[in-house]
């Protein structure tokens, strides 16, 4: 149940819950799922950092606008994929318990 909660925490406490479960839990399987969930919760922030760097690297204002639109669309797509993946993994973990 805790392992599934780590994946579903993407909606409530994306960093706090998987970290606490990882350090408190004694079960290796739960710790493995907590680590995977934490990594999937950190990925959107990495994408945001890349988006910010792409904006800074662009040379002109016109190029910055195009780069920003493309990166925002990719950022949204990546976030959607990560949220769907977390839901699927949470349901899979619940169905195996």
PDB file of N, CA and C in Angstrom:
ATOM      1  N   UNK A   1       0.821  -1.187   0.000  1.00  0.00           N
ATOM      2  CA  UNK A   1       0.000   0.000   0.000  1.00  0.00           C
ATOM      3  C   UNK A   1       0.875   1.266   0.000  1.00  0.00           C
ATOM      4  N   UNK A   2       1.960   1.234   0.766  1.00  0.00           N
ATOM      5  CA  UNK A   2       2.852   2.397   0.797  1.00  0.00           C
ATOM      6  C   UNK A   2       3.531   2.616  -0.549  1.00  0.00           C
ATOM      7  N   UNK A   3       3.870   1.526  -1.221  1.00  0.00           N
ATOM      8  CA  UNK A   3       4.535   1.648  -2.521  1.00  0.00           C
ATOM      9  C   UNK A   3       3.621   2.335  -3.525  1.00  0.00           C
ATOM     10  N   UNK A   4       2.350   1.977  -3.536  1.00  0.00           N
ATOM     11  CA  UNK A   4       1.396   2.626  -4.440  1.00  0.00           C
ATOM     12  C   UNK A   4       1.197   4.082  -4.045  1.00  0.00           C
ATOM     13  N   UNK A   5       1.199   4.351  -2.751  1.00  0.00           N
ATOM     14  CA  UNK A   5       1.059   5.727  -2.280  1.00  0.00           C
ATOM     15  C   UNK A   5       2.188   6.619  -2.751  1.00  0.00           C
ATOM     16  N   UNK A   6       3.370   6.046  -2.910  1.00  0.00           N
ATOM     17  CA  UNK A   6       4.504   6.829  -3.420  1.00  0.00           C
ATOM     18  C   UNK A   6       4.230   7.313  -4.835  1.00  0.00           C
ATOM     19  N   UNK A   7       3.639   6.460  -5.653  1.00  0.00           N
ATOM     20  CA  UNK A   7       3.320   6.862  -7.025  1.00  0.00           C
ATOM     21  C   UNK A   7       2.164   7.855  -7.058  1.00  0.00           C
ATOM     22  N   UNK A   8       1.140   7.620  -6.235  1.00  0.00           N
ATOM     23  CA  UNK A   8      -0.019   8.511  -6.233  1.00  0.00           C
ATOM     24  C   UNK A   8       0.273   9.852  -5.556  1.00  0.00           C
ATOM     25  N   UNK A   9       1.383   9.954  -4.840  1.00  0.00           N
ATOM     26  CA  UNK A   9       1.712  11.210  -4.166  1.00  0.00           C
ATOM     27  C   UNK A   9       2.111  12.310  -5.140  1.00  0.00           C
ATOM     28  N   UNK A  10       2.167  12.005  -6.426  1.00  0.00           N
ATOM     29  CA  UNK A  10       2.456  13.024  -7.432  1.00  0.00           C
ATOM     30  C   UNK A  10       1.406  14.136  -7.369  1.00  0.00           C
ATOM     31  N   UNK A  11       0.219  13.822  -6.853  1.00  0.00           N
ATOM     32  CA  UNK A  11      -0.854  14.808  -6.754  1.00  0.00           C
ATOM     33  C   UNK A  11      -0.826  15.590  -5.445  1.00  0.00           C
ATOM     34  N   UNK A  12      -0.186  15.056  -4.405  1.00  0.00           N
ATOM     35  CA  UNK A  12      -0.280  15.679  -3.081  1.00  0.00           C
ATOM     36  C   UNK A  12       1.072  16.188  -2.588  1.00  0.00           C
ATOM     37  N   UNK A  13       2.002  15.280  -2.363  1.00  0.00           N
ATOM     38  CA  UNK A  13       3.315  15.639  -1.824  1.00  0.00           C
ATOM     39  C   UNK A  13       4.393  14.908  -2.617  1.00  0.00           C
ATOM     40  N   UNK A  14       4.735  15.412  -3.793  1.00  0.00           N
ATOM     41  CA  UNK A  14       5.591  14.649  -4.697  1.00  0.00           C
ATOM     42  C   UNK A  14       6.974  14.301  -4.160  1.00  0.00           C
ATOM     43  N   UNK A  15       7.555  15.125  -3.345  1.00  0.00           N
ATOM     44  CA  UNK A  15       8.901  14.825  -2.861  1.00  0.00           C
ATOM     45  C   UNK A  15       8.888  14.230  -1.463  1.00  0.00           C
ATOM     46  N   UNK A  16       8.073  14.774  -0.617  1.00  0.00           N
ATOM     47  CA  UNK A  16       8.100  14.416   0.798  1.00  0.00           C
ATOM     48  C   UNK A  16       7.729  12.958   1.040  1.00  0.00           C
ATOM     49  N   UNK A  17       6.633  12.509   0.490  1.00  0.00           N
ATOM     50  CA  UNK A  17       6.151  11.161   0.790  1.00  0.00           C
ATOM     51  C   UNK A  17       7.115  10.066   0.326  1.00  0.00           C
ATOM     52  N   UNK A  18       7.604  10.093  -0.924  1.00  0.00           N
ATOM     53  CA  UNK A  18       8.552   9.030  -1.312  1.00  0.00           C
ATOM     54  C   UNK A  18       9.852   9.047  -0.510  1.00  0.00           C
ATOM     55  N   UNK A  19      10.324  10.225  -0.135  1.00  0.00           N
ATOM     56  CA  UNK A  19      11.558  10.307   0.659  1.00  0.00           C
ATOM     57  C   UNK A  19      11.343   9.697   2.036  1.00  0.00           C
ATOM     58  N   UNK A  20      10.233  10.050   2.677  1.00  0.00           N
ATOM     59  CA  UNK A  20       9.938   9.506   4.007  1.00  0.00           C
ATOM     60  C   UNK A  20       9.773   7.993   3.935  1.00  0.00           C
ATOM     61  N   UNK A  21       9.031   7.514   2.955  1.00  0.00           N
ATOM     62  CA  UNK A  21       8.826   6.067   2.816  1.00  0.00           C
ATOM     63  C   UNK A  21      10.152   5.370   2.546  1.00  0.00           C
ATOM     64  N   UNK A  22      10.996   5.953   1.743  1.00  0.00           N
ATOM     65  CA  UNK A  22      12.286   5.335   1.425  1.00  0.00           C
ATOM     66  C   UNK A  22      13.139   5.158   2.678  1.00  0.00           C
ATOM     67  N   UNK A  23      13.171   6.160   3.537  1.00  0.00           N
ATOM     68  CA  UNK A  23      14.029   6.080   4.715  1.00  0.00           C
ATOM     69  C   UNK A  23      13.388   5.351   5.889  1.00  0.00           C
ATOM     70  N   UNK A  24      12.068   5.287   5.935  1.00  0.00           N
ATOM     71  CA  UNK A  24      11.392   4.662   7.069  1.00  0.00           C
ATOM     72  C   UNK A  24      11.100   3.183   6.824  1.00  0.00           C
ATOM     73  N   UNK A  25      10.796   2.823   5.607  1.00  0.00           N
ATOM     74  CA  UNK A  25      10.371   1.450   5.309  1.00  0.00           C
ATOM     75  C   UNK A  25      11.529   0.464   5.430  1.00  0.00           C
ATOM     76  N   UNK A  26      11.210  -0.711   5.935  1.00  0.00           N
ATOM     77  CA  UNK A  26      12.192  -1.779   6.057  1.00  0.00           C
ATOM     78  C   UNK A  26      12.111  -2.771   4.896  1.00  0.00           C
ATOM     79  N   UNK A  27      11.036  -2.714   4.120  1.00  0.00           N
ATOM     80  CA  UNK A  27      10.835  -3.645   3.011  1.00  0.00           C
ATOM     81  C   UNK A  27      11.568  -3.144   1.767  1.00  0.00           C
ATOM     82  N   UNK A  28      12.343  -4.026   1.185  1.00  0.00           N
ATOM     83  CA  UNK A  28      13.155  -3.645   0.026  1.00  0.00           C
ATOM     84  C   UNK A  28      12.296  -3.304  -1.187  1.00  0.00           C
ATOM     85  N   UNK A  29      11.194  -4.000  -1.378  1.00  0.00           N
ATOM     86  CA  UNK A  29      10.316  -3.728  -2.525  1.00  0.00           C
ATOM     87  C   UNK A  29       9.693  -2.341  -2.404  1.00  0.00           C
ATOM     88  N   UNK A  30       9.266  -1.987  -1.206  1.00  0.00           N
ATOM     89  CA  UNK A  30       8.675  -0.661  -0.990  1.00  0.00           C
ATOM     90  C   UNK A  30       9.720   0.417  -1.213  1.00  0.00           C
ATOM     91  N   UNK A  31      10.932   0.181  -0.748  1.00  0.00           N
ATOM     92  CA  UNK A  31      12.011   1.155  -0.957  1.00  0.00           C
ATOM     93  C   UNK A  31      12.316   1.326  -2.441  1.00  0.00           C
ATOM     94  N   UNK A  32      12.280   0.227  -3.195  1.00  0.00           N
ATOM     95  CA  UNK A  32      12.534   0.292  -4.638  1.00  0.00           C
ATOM     96  C   UNK A  32      11.466   1.134  -5.333  1.00  0.00           C
ATOM     97  N   UNK A  33      10.207   0.919  -4.976  1.00  0.00           N
ATOM     98  CA  UNK A  33       9.132   1.696  -5.584  1.00  0.00           C
ATOM     99  C   UNK A  33       9.191   3.160  -5.146  1.00  0.00           C
ATOM    100  N   UNK A  34       9.579   3.414  -3.900  1.00  0.00           N
ATOM    101  CA  UNK A  34       9.702   4.795  -3.431  1.00  0.00           C
ATOM    102  C   UNK A  34      10.789   5.530  -4.207  1.00  0.00           C
ATOM    103  N   UNK A  35      11.890   4.842  -4.489  1.00  0.00           N
ATOM    104  CA  UNK A  35      12.978   5.465  -5.254  1.00  0.00           C
ATOM    105  C   UNK A  35      12.545   5.755  -6.685  1.00  0.00           C
ATOM    106  N   UNK A  36      11.847   4.803  -7.316  1.00  0.00           N
ATOM    107  CA  UNK A  36      11.354   5.026  -8.676  1.00  0.00           C
ATOM    108  C   UNK A  36      10.360   6.178  -8.720  1.00  0.00           C
ATOM    109  N   UNK A  37       9.481   6.239  -7.722  1.00  0.00           N
ATOM    110  CA  UNK A  37       8.493   7.316  -7.684  1.00  0.00           C
ATOM    111  C   UNK A  37       9.173   8.666  -7.486  1.00  0.00           C
ATOM    112  N   UNK A  38      10.170   8.715  -6.624  1.00  0.00           N
ATOM    113  CA  UNK A  38      10.885   9.972  -6.397  1.00  0.00           C
ATOM    114  C   UNK A  38      11.581  10.444  -7.665  1.00  0.00           C
ATOM    115  N   UNK A  39      12.196   9.524  -8.384  1.00  0.00           N
ATOM    116  CA  UNK A  39      12.852   9.896  -9.642  1.00  0.00           C
ATOM    117  C   UNK A  39      11.830  10.433 -10.632  1.00  0.00           C
ATOM    118  N   UNK A  40      10.676   9.786 -10.709  1.00  0.00           N
ATOM    119  CA  UNK A  40       9.656  10.267 -11.649  1.00  0.00           C
ATOM    120  C   UNK A  40       9.065  11.604 -11.216  1.00  0.00           C
ATOM    121  N   UNK A  41       9.155  11.934  -9.935  1.00  0.00           N
ATOM    122  CA  UNK A  41       8.666  13.229  -9.469  1.00  0.00           C
ATOM    123  C   UNK A  41       9.700  14.328  -9.671  1.00  0.00           C
ATOM    124  N   UNK A  42      10.967  13.962  -9.765  1.00  0.00           N
ATOM    125  CA  UNK A  42      12.040  14.944  -9.974  1.00  0.00           C
ATOM    126  C   UNK A  42      12.185  15.303 -11.456  1.00  0.00           C
ATOM    127  N   UNK A  43      11.835  14.383 -12.347  1.00  0.00           N
ATOM    128  CA  UNK A  43      12.003  14.612 -13.786  1.00  0.00           C
ATOM    129  C   UNK A  43      11.347  15.896 -14.304  1.00  0.00           C
ATOM    130  N   UNK A  44      10.135  16.261 -13.891  1.00  0.00           N
ATOM    131  CA  UNK A  44       9.568  17.518 -14.401  1.00  0.00           C
ATOM    132  C   UNK A  44      10.396  18.746 -14.038  1.00  0.00           C
ATOM    133  N   UNK A  45      11.038  18.731 -12.873  1.00  0.00           N
ATOM    134  CA  UNK A  45      11.866  19.870 -12.500  1.00  0.00           C
ATOM    135  C   UNK A  45      13.141  19.919 -13.331  1.00  0.00           C
ATOM    136  N   UNK A  46      13.653  18.769 -13.701  1.00  0.00           N
ATOM    137  CA  UNK A  46      14.803  18.732 -14.617  1.00  0.00           C
ATOM    138  C   UNK A  46      14.406  19.287 -15.983  1.00  0.00           C
ATOM    139  N   UNK A  47      13.216  18.929 -16.434  1.00  0.00           N
ATOM    140  CA  UNK A  47      12.721  19.451 -17.714  1.00  0.00           C
ATOM    141  C   UNK A  47      12.539  20.964 -17.646  1.00  0.00           C
ATOM    142  N   UNK A  48      12.068  21.461 -16.511  1.00  0.00           N
ATOM    143  CA  UNK A  48      11.908  22.903 -16.350  1.00  0.00           C
ATOM    144  C   UNK A  48      13.263  23.597 -16.419  1.00  0.00           C
ATOM    145  N   UNK A  49      14.281  22.999 -15.829  1.00  0.00           N
ATOM    146  CA  UNK A  49      15.626  23.558 -15.873  1.00  0.00           C
ATOM    147  C   UNK A  49      16.137  23.615 -17.312  1.00  0.00           C
ATOM    148  N   UNK A  50      15.903  22.558 -18.077  1.00  0.00           N
ATOM    149  CA  UNK A  50      16.304  22.532 -19.489  1.00  0.00           C
ATOM    150  C   UNK A  50      15.542  23.596 -20.267  1.00  0.00           C
ATOM    151  N   UNK A  51      14.256  23.753 -19.977  1.00  0.00           N
ATOM    152  CA  UNK A  51      13.447  24.766 -20.649  1.00  0.00           C
ATOM    153  C   UNK A  51      14.008  26.165 -20.367  1.00  0.00           C
ATOM    154  N   UNK A  52      14.388  26.413 -19.128  1.00  0.00           N
ATOM    155  CA  UNK A  52      14.956  27.704 -18.755  1.00  0.00           C
ATOM    156  C   UNK A  52      16.285  27.944 -19.471  1.00  0.00           C
ATOM    157  N   UNK A  53      17.123  26.923 -19.558  1.00  0.00           N
ATOM    158  CA  UNK A  53      18.399  27.060 -20.265  1.00  0.00           C
ATOM    159  C   UNK A  53      18.196  27.321 -21.752  1.00  0.00           C
ATOM    160  N   UNK A  54      17.225  26.650 -22.354  1.00  0.00           N
ATOM    161  CA  UNK A  54      16.937  26.874 -23.776  1.00  0.00           C
ATOM    162  C   UNK A  54      16.507  28.319 -24.017  1.00  0.00           C
ATOM    163  N   UNK A  55      15.740  28.875 -23.100  1.00  0.00           N
ATOM    164  CA  UNK A  55      15.316  30.262 -23.231  1.00  0.00           C
ATOM    165  C   UNK A  55      16.512  31.206 -23.120  1.00  0.00           C
ATOM    166  N   UNK A  56      17.429  30.916 -22.214  1.00  0.00           N
ATOM    167  CA  UNK A  56      18.601  31.772 -22.043  1.00  0.00           C
ATOM    168  C   UNK A  56      19.555  31.690 -23.230  1.00  0.00           C
ATOM    169  N   UNK A  57      19.630  30.555 -23.886  1.00  0.00           N
ATOM    170  CA  UNK A  57      20.561  30.355 -24.990  1.00  0.00           C
ATOM    171  C   UNK A  57      20.063  31.004 -26.276  1.00  0.00           C
ATOM    172  N   UNK A  58      18.773  31.185 -26.407  1.00  0.00           N
ATOM    173  CA  UNK A  58      18.232  31.750 -27.650  1.00  0.00           C
ATOM    174  C   UNK A  58      18.797  33.149 -27.883  1.00  0.00           C
ATOM    175  N   UNK A  59      19.094  33.450 -29.158  1.00  0.00           N
ATOM    176  CA  UNK A  59      19.803  34.677 -29.510  1.00  0.00           C
ATOM    177  C   UNK A  59      18.903  35.898 -29.623  1.00  0.00           C
ATOM    178  N   UNK A  60      17.799  35.772 -30.295  1.00  0.00           N
ATOM    179  CA  UNK A  60      16.958  36.939 -30.528  1.00  0.00           C
ATOM    180  C   UNK A  60      15.610  36.757 -29.845  1.00  0.00           C
ATOM    181  N   UNK A  61      14.853  37.838 -29.833  1.00  0.00           N
ATOM    182  CA  UNK A  61      13.536  37.806 -29.204  1.00  0.00           C
ATOM    183  C   UNK A  61      12.582  36.897 -29.972  1.00  0.00           C
ATOM    184  N   UNK A  62      12.665  36.922 -31.313  1.00  0.00           N
ATOM    185  CA  UNK A  62      11.808  36.045 -32.116  1.00  0.00           C
ATOM    186  C   UNK A  62      12.154  34.581 -31.881  1.00  0.00           C
ATOM    187  N   UNK A  63      13.439  34.306 -31.843  1.00  0.00           N
ATOM    188  CA  UNK A  63      13.873  32.932 -31.601  1.00  0.00           C
ATOM    189  C   UNK A  63      13.484  32.489 -30.191  1.00  0.00           C
ATOM    190  N   UNK A  64      13.557  33.403 -29.243  1.00  0.00           N
ATOM    191  CA  UNK A  64      13.184  33.072 -27.873  1.00  0.00           C
ATOM    192  C   UNK A  64      11.716  32.698 -27.783  1.00  0.00           C
ATOM    193  N   UNK A  65      10.867  33.386 -28.539  1.00  0.00           N
ATOM    194  CA  UNK A  65       9.441  33.064 -28.527  1.00  0.00           C
ATOM    195  C   UNK A  65       9.155  31.682 -29.077  1.00  0.00           C
ATOM    196  N   UNK A  66       9.791  31.355 -30.191  1.00  0.00           N
ATOM    197  CA  UNK A  66       9.591  30.033 -30.801  1.00  0.00           C
ATOM    198  C   UNK A  66      10.142  28.942 -29.889  1.00  0.00           C
ATOM    199  N   UNK A  67      11.338  29.171 -29.364  1.00  0.00           N
ATOM    200  CA  UNK A  67      11.952  28.194 -28.464  1.00  0.00           C
ATOM    201  C   UNK A  67      11.083  28.002 -27.229  1.00  0.00           C
ATOM    202  N   UNK A  68      10.540  29.080 -26.711  1.00  0.00           N
ATOM    203  CA  UNK A  68       9.714  28.993 -25.512  1.00  0.00           C
ATOM    204  C   UNK A  68       8.435  28.209 -25.778  1.00  0.00           C
ATOM    205  N   UNK A  69       7.790  28.451 -26.905  1.00  0.00           N
ATOM    206  CA  UNK A  69       6.556  27.728 -27.230  1.00  0.00           C
ATOM    207  C   UNK A  69       6.842  26.239 -27.383  1.00  0.00           C
ATOM    208  N   UNK A  70       7.898  25.907 -28.097  1.00  0.00           N
ATOM    209  CA  UNK A  70       8.238  24.497 -28.308  1.00  0.00           C
ATOM    210  C   UNK A  70       8.589  23.821 -26.983  1.00  0.00           C
ATOM    211  N   UNK A  71       9.402  24.468 -26.168  1.00  0.00           N
ATOM    212  CA  UNK A  71       9.798  23.848 -24.906  1.00  0.00           C
ATOM    213  C   UNK A  71       8.633  23.748 -23.928  1.00  0.00           C
ATOM    214  N   UNK A  72       7.740  24.717 -23.919  1.00  0.00           N
ATOM    215  CA  UNK A  72       6.567  24.627 -23.042  1.00  0.00           C
ATOM    216  C   UNK A  72       5.673  23.469 -23.474  1.00  0.00           C
ATOM    217  N   UNK A  73       5.495  23.282 -24.780  1.00  0.00           N
ATOM    218  CA  UNK A  73       4.705  22.147 -25.263  1.00  0.00           C
ATOM    219  C   UNK A  73       5.367  20.819 -24.897  1.00  0.00           C
ATOM    220  N   UNK A  74       6.673  20.726 -25.065  1.00  0.00           N
ATOM    221  CA  UNK A  74       7.382  19.506 -24.680  1.00  0.00           C
ATOM    222  C   UNK A  74       7.331  19.276 -23.173  1.00  0.00           C
ATOM    223  N   UNK A  75       7.440  20.354 -22.411  1.00  0.00           N
ATOM    224  CA  UNK A  75       7.362  20.275 -20.953  1.00  0.00           C
ATOM    225  C   UNK A  75       5.995  19.745 -20.528  1.00  0.00           C
ATOM    226  N   UNK A  76       4.944  20.251 -21.141  1.00  0.00           N
ATOM    227  CA  UNK A  76       3.598  19.774 -20.833  1.00  0.00           C
ATOM    228  C   UNK A  76       3.407  18.319 -21.212  1.00  0.00           C
ATOM    229  N   UNK A  77       3.935  17.920 -22.358  1.00  0.00           N
ATOM    230  CA  UNK A  77       3.823  16.534 -22.798  1.00  0.00           C
ATOM    231  C   UNK A  77       4.577  15.598 -21.859  1.00  0.00           C
ATOM    232  N   UNK A  78       5.774  15.988 -21.465  1.00  0.00           N
ATOM    233  CA  UNK A  78       6.560  15.166 -20.538  1.00  0.00           C
ATOM    234  C   UNK A  78       5.838  15.040 -19.202  1.00  0.00           C
ATOM    235  N   UNK A  79       5.293  16.133 -18.694  1.00  0.00           N
ATOM    236  CA  UNK A  79       4.566  16.077 -17.427  1.00  0.00           C
ATOM    237  C   UNK A  79       3.342  15.180 -17.523  1.00  0.00           C
ATOM    238  N   UNK A  80       2.619  15.261 -18.619  1.00  0.00           N
ATOM    239  CA  UNK A  80       1.448  14.410 -18.806  1.00  0.00           C
ATOM    240  C   UNK A  80       1.850  12.935 -18.835  1.00  0.00           C
ATOM    241  N   UNK A  81       2.911  12.625 -19.547  1.00  0.00           N
ATOM    242  CA  UNK A  81       3.392  11.240 -19.614  1.00  0.00           C
ATOM    243  C   UNK A  81       3.814  10.748 -18.233  1.00  0.00           C
ATOM    244  N   UNK A  82       4.490  11.582 -17.474  1.00  0.00           N
ATOM    245  CA  UNK A  82       4.946  11.185 -16.142  1.00  0.00           C
ATOM    246  C   UNK A  82       3.765  10.966 -15.204  1.00  0.00           C
ATOM    247  N   UNK A  83       2.761  11.818 -15.263  1.00  0.00           N
ATOM    248  CA  UNK A  83       1.586  11.645 -14.406  1.00  0.00           C
ATOM    249  C   UNK A  83       0.847  10.363 -14.764  1.00  0.00           C
ATOM    250  N   UNK A  84       0.667  10.111 -16.048  1.00  0.00           N
ATOM    251  CA  UNK A  84      -0.005   8.876 -16.475  1.00  0.00           C
ATOM    252  C   UNK A  84       0.819   7.661 -16.051  1.00  0.00           C
ATOM    253  N   UNK A  85       2.133   7.734 -16.192  1.00  0.00           N
ATOM    254  CA  UNK A  85       2.995   6.626 -15.783  1.00  0.00           C
ATOM    255  C   UNK A  85       2.866   6.358 -14.287  1.00  0.00           C
ATOM    256  N   UNK A  86       2.825   7.428 -13.472  1.00  0.00           N
ATOM    257  CA  UNK A  86       2.670   7.255 -12.028  1.00  0.00           C
ATOM    258  C   UNK A  86       1.335   6.604 -11.683  1.00  0.00           C
ATOM    259  N   UNK A  87       0.277   6.995 -12.368  1.00  0.00           N
ATOM    260  CA  UNK A  87      -1.031   6.386 -12.118  1.00  0.00           C
ATOM    261  C   UNK A  87      -1.002   4.905 -12.496  1.00  0.00           C
ATOM    262  N   UNK A  88      -0.439   4.595 -13.649  1.00  0.00           N
ATOM    263  CA  UNK A  88      -0.370   3.194 -14.091  1.00  0.00           C
ATOM    264  C   UNK A  88       0.458   2.358 -13.114  1.00  0.00           C
ATOM    265  N   UNK A  89       1.618   2.858 -12.718  1.00  0.00           N
ATOM    266  CA  UNK A  89       2.458   2.109 -11.785  1.00  0.00           C
ATOM    267  C   UNK A  89       1.778   1.950 -10.428  1.00  0.00           C
ATOM    268  N   UNK A  90       1.077   2.973  -9.958  1.00  0.00           N
ATOM    269  CA  UNK A  90       0.360   2.860  -8.693  1.00  0.00           C
ATOM    270  C   UNK A  90      -0.720   1.798  -8.744  1.00  0.00           C
ATOM    271  N   UNK A  91      -1.462   1.753  -9.835  1.00  0.00           N
ATOM    272  CA  UNK A  91      -2.505   0.735  -9.998  1.00  0.00           C
ATOM    273  C   UNK A  91      -1.876  -0.652 -10.115  1.00  0.00           C
ATOM    274  N   UNK A  92      -0.763  -0.769 -10.830  1.00  0.00           N
ATOM    275  CA  UNK A  92      -0.085  -2.065 -10.942  1.00  0.00           C
ATOM    276  C   UNK A  92       0.387  -2.565  -9.584  1.00  0.00           C
ATOM    277  N   UNK A  93       0.934  -1.672  -8.781  1.00  0.00           N
ATOM    278  CA  UNK A  93       1.406  -2.074  -7.454  1.00  0.00           C
ATOM    279  C   UNK A  93       0.220  -2.492  -6.586  1.00  0.00           C
ATOM    280  N   UNK A  94      -0.881  -1.757  -6.665  1.00  0.00           N
ATOM    281  CA  UNK A  94      -2.068  -2.131  -5.889  1.00  0.00           C
ATOM    282  C   UNK A  94      -2.629  -3.472  -6.336  1.00  0.00           C
ATOM    283  N   UNK A  95      -2.586  -3.750  -7.613  1.00  0.00           N
ATOM    284  CA  UNK A  95      -3.142  -5.014  -8.101  1.00  0.00           C
ATOM    285  C   UNK A  95      -2.263  -6.212  -7.743  1.00  0.00           C
ATOM    286  N   UNK A  96      -0.989  -5.985  -7.468  1.00  0.00           N
ATOM    287  CA  UNK A  96      -0.100  -7.085  -7.090  1.00  0.00           C
ATOM    288  C   UNK A  96      -0.095  -7.351  -5.593  1.00  0.00           C
ATOM    289  N   UNK A  97      -0.692  -6.474  -4.814  1.00  0.00           N
ATOM    290  CA  UNK A  97      -0.697  -6.669  -3.352  1.00  0.00           C
ATOM    291  C   UNK A  97      -1.777  -7.595  -2.910  1.00  0.00           C
TER     292      UNK A  97
END
